[in-house]
Each structure stands twice: as C-alpha cells, then as structure tokens.
Amino acid sequence: MMTNCLALMGNMSWLGWLIPLAILSLLGLGTAALLKYLFTSAKSATGASS
C-alpha cells in the first residue's frame, strides 16, 4: 500500500507531494483552532461572573 502511494506521488511530480502536505497542515491548523476555541471559551465562561 505504501509503495503504491509513493509511486503515485512520484508520478505526479511536485503536486503529489504538495497536496498531502497541504491537507495535513490544514488539518493541523483546524485542530489547533478548535482546541484554542474550546480552552479559551471554557476560561471566559468561568470568569464572566464578575
């Protein structure tokens, strides 16, 4: 499976390496944004009573 994937990426030139990296970076940024939203909204909800 890994060999087939690497062969396909090699046939696509630089685009075959750019697309998976872009998808992984977007997933990482989305996860980081979600975690930041969850943790900052939890802190502001507890401190909003004052």
N, C-alpha and C. Protein backbone atom coordinates (compact mmCIF):
# COMPACT_ATOMS: atom_id res chain seq x y z
N MET A 1 0.82 -1.20 0.00
CA MET A 1 0.00 0.00 0.00
C MET A 1 0.86 1.26 0.00
N MET A 2 1.85 1.27 0.87
CA MET A 2 2.73 2.44 0.95
C MET A 2 3.54 2.60 -0.33
N THR A 3 3.95 1.49 -0.93
CA THR A 3 4.71 1.55 -2.17
C THR A 3 3.87 2.13 -3.30
N ASN A 4 2.61 1.73 -3.38
CA ASN A 4 1.71 2.26 -4.41
C ASN A 4 1.49 3.75 -4.23
N CYS A 5 1.33 4.16 -2.98
CA CYS A 5 1.10 5.57 -2.70
C CYS A 5 2.32 6.40 -3.07
N LEU A 6 3.50 5.94 -2.71
CA LEU A 6 4.72 6.68 -3.04
C LEU A 6 4.96 6.69 -4.54
N ALA A 7 4.62 5.62 -5.24
CA ALA A 7 4.78 5.59 -6.69
C ALA A 7 3.83 6.59 -7.35
N LEU A 8 2.60 6.68 -6.86
CA LEU A 8 1.65 7.64 -7.40
C LEU A 8 2.11 9.07 -7.14
N MET A 9 2.62 9.32 -5.94
CA MET A 9 3.11 10.65 -5.62
C MET A 9 4.33 11.00 -6.47
N GLY A 10 5.15 10.03 -6.75
CA GLY A 10 6.32 10.28 -7.58
C GLY A 10 5.95 10.58 -9.02
N ASN A 11 4.89 9.96 -9.52
CA ASN A 11 4.44 10.21 -10.89
C ASN A 11 3.82 11.59 -11.06
N MET A 12 3.29 12.15 -9.98
CA MET A 12 2.62 13.44 -10.07
C MET A 12 3.58 14.62 -9.90
N SER A 13 4.86 14.37 -9.78
CA SER A 13 5.87 15.41 -9.64
C SER A 13 5.68 16.15 -8.32
N TRP A 14 5.85 17.46 -8.32
CA TRP A 14 5.79 18.24 -7.07
C TRP A 14 4.37 18.35 -6.52
N LEU A 15 3.37 18.23 -7.38
CA LEU A 15 1.98 18.33 -6.93
C LEU A 15 1.60 17.14 -6.04
N GLY A 16 2.18 16.00 -6.31
CA GLY A 16 1.91 14.81 -5.50
C GLY A 16 2.43 14.93 -4.08
N TRP A 17 3.43 15.77 -3.87
CA TRP A 17 3.95 15.99 -2.52
C TRP A 17 3.29 17.20 -1.88
N LEU A 18 2.85 18.15 -2.68
CA LEU A 18 2.27 19.38 -2.14
C LEU A 18 0.87 19.15 -1.57
N ILE A 19 0.06 18.37 -2.27
CA ILE A 19 -1.32 18.16 -1.84
C ILE A 19 -1.40 17.45 -0.48
N PRO A 20 -0.70 16.35 -0.24
CA PRO A 20 -0.78 15.73 1.11
C PRO A 20 -0.24 16.64 2.20
N LEU A 21 0.82 17.39 1.92
CA LEU A 21 1.34 18.31 2.93
C LEU A 21 0.36 19.42 3.23
N ALA A 22 -0.32 19.92 2.20
CA ALA A 22 -1.32 20.97 2.40
C ALA A 22 -2.49 20.44 3.21
N ILE A 23 -2.94 19.25 2.92
CA ILE A 23 -4.07 18.67 3.66
C ILE A 23 -3.69 18.44 5.12
N LEU A 24 -2.50 17.92 5.36
CA LEU A 24 -2.07 17.69 6.74
C LEU A 24 -1.90 18.99 7.51
N SER A 25 -1.38 20.01 6.85
CA SER A 25 -1.21 21.28 7.55
C SER A 25 -2.56 21.94 7.84
N LEU A 26 -3.51 21.83 6.92
CA LEU A 26 -4.84 22.37 7.18
C LEU A 26 -5.54 21.61 8.30
N LEU A 27 -5.37 20.30 8.35
CA LEU A 27 -5.94 19.53 9.46
C LEU A 27 -5.31 19.93 10.79
N GLY A 28 -4.01 20.15 10.78
CA GLY A 28 -3.32 20.56 11.99
C GLY A 28 -3.77 21.94 12.45
N LEU A 29 -3.92 22.86 11.52
CA LEU A 29 -4.38 24.20 11.87
C LEU A 29 -5.82 24.18 12.38
N GLY A 30 -6.65 23.37 11.76
CA GLY A 30 -8.03 23.24 12.21
C GLY A 30 -8.12 22.65 13.60
N THR A 31 -7.30 21.66 13.89
CA THR A 31 -7.28 21.07 15.22
C THR A 31 -6.80 22.08 16.25
N ALA A 32 -5.75 22.82 15.91
CA ALA A 32 -5.24 23.82 16.84
C ALA A 32 -6.27 24.91 17.09
N ALA A 33 -6.98 25.33 16.06
CA ALA A 33 -8.00 26.36 16.24
C ALA A 33 -9.15 25.84 17.09
N LEU A 34 -9.54 24.59 16.89
CA LEU A 34 -10.61 24.01 17.69
C LEU A 34 -10.21 23.91 19.15
N LEU A 35 -9.00 23.45 19.41
CA LEU A 35 -8.54 23.35 20.79
C LEU A 35 -8.44 24.72 21.44
N LYS A 36 -7.95 25.71 20.71
CA LYS A 36 -7.87 27.06 21.25
C LYS A 36 -9.26 27.59 21.57
N TYR A 37 -10.20 27.37 20.69
CA TYR A 37 -11.57 27.82 20.92
C TYR A 37 -12.18 27.15 22.15
N LEU A 38 -11.96 25.84 22.27
CA LEU A 38 -12.53 25.11 23.41
C LEU A 38 -11.93 25.57 24.73
N PHE A 39 -10.63 25.77 24.77
CA PHE A 39 -9.99 26.14 26.03
C PHE A 39 -10.21 27.60 26.38
N THR A 40 -10.25 28.49 25.39
CA THR A 40 -10.46 29.89 25.72
C THR A 40 -11.91 30.17 26.06
N SER A 41 -12.86 29.46 25.43
CA SER A 41 -14.26 29.68 25.78
C SER A 41 -14.57 29.11 27.16
N ALA A 42 -13.89 28.04 27.57
CA ALA A 42 -14.11 27.48 28.89
C ALA A 42 -13.60 28.43 29.96
N LYS A 43 -12.48 29.10 29.71
CA LYS A 43 -11.93 30.04 30.69
C LYS A 43 -12.79 31.29 30.79
N SER A 44 -13.27 31.79 29.66
CA SER A 44 -14.06 33.02 29.70
C SER A 44 -15.44 32.77 30.30
N ALA A 45 -15.96 31.57 30.19
CA ALA A 45 -17.27 31.28 30.76
C ALA A 45 -17.20 31.23 32.28
N THR A 46 -16.08 30.77 32.83
CA THR A 46 -15.97 30.70 34.28
C THR A 46 -15.63 32.07 34.87
N GLY A 47 -14.93 32.91 34.13
CA GLY A 47 -14.54 34.22 34.65
C GLY A 47 -15.53 35.31 34.32
N ALA A 48 -16.63 35.02 33.68
CA ALA A 48 -17.57 36.05 33.25
C ALA A 48 -18.55 36.46 34.35
N SER A 49 -18.51 35.80 35.49
CA SER A 49 -19.48 36.11 36.55
C SER A 49 -19.12 37.39 37.31
N SER A 50 -17.93 37.92 37.17
CA SER A 50 -17.54 39.10 37.93
C SER A 50 -17.92 40.36 37.28
